[in-house]
Amino acid sequence: MPSRVAASSTSASPFRVVTQSRNRDTGGNSGFAELPLDQALELYAPGPMFSWPELQGMALDGVLRQLYQQGYVHPGSAVTPRLRARAAAICVPRFARQKVVAGRLTAAWIYGCAPEPDRLALLVDARHRISSLRSTRGCTLHEVRLGPMDVHSMGGIMVTSPLRTAVDISLNVPAERAVPALRSLVVRRELGVKLRLVALAVDAVPRVPHKKAALALLRALDEEMATESQAET
């Protein structure tokens, strides 16, 4: 263990680096390619080089820190949405990664707008069979309708767009958890989420539960944030 830890400070580190690759499969638990430290973003996962207990031990020593579940990064690494998506992808079986979409508060966490989830919220298009996904552990499956503009690929997994994420949160997440996430999604201007657009999208969805409550929540939050903005000027 000590020799491996010491090697982490050099570009010749033997650490297993997880990076997206469509051309080859290493056969490890993550299904991602292995590259030298100086050729990839650092995301370490259990595999031939290190077991999960070893990674946990290095996290206790301060050499690594846990990003999510079995995904670890260097303490000084900049955590981006793509890196969080890669960490989430490790938790999803390889065969399921192109069949499910990270959504709701899981997607908000990937965008940096919610706490890390206890269980991944994975959406499955209602047009696809999901019986083979029922055994997926650490995940909650939700059967939904998804349009081509609702999802995009990020870090080896599909993720709902910021707008679709906000719509799903307002419709499906209790207010005490939904409001902070919606606030964060709106505040991050690079995500392009506006509460009035979210309300229009919610209003356009036919025959869904909690629609009136979601619209009331969005209206109240919009008024609250407008009042706060005026008070700051």
Foldseek 3Di string as FASTA:
>chain_A
DVVLLVQLVDQQRPFFAFAADDPDAPPFLLRGDGDGPVPHAGKGFAGDVDHQVRVVVCCVVQQWPDDDDRIIHRPPDDQALLNLVLVVSSLWGPVCQAFKAFAAVCLLVSHVQAPHDQATEIEGEQVDDCPVVPPRPRHDYDYDHDDPQQWDDGNSHIYGQLLNRLLCNLQPPPLVRNLSSNVSSVVPCVSVDDLVVSLVVLVPDPDGPCSVVSNVSSVVSNVVVVVVVVVVD
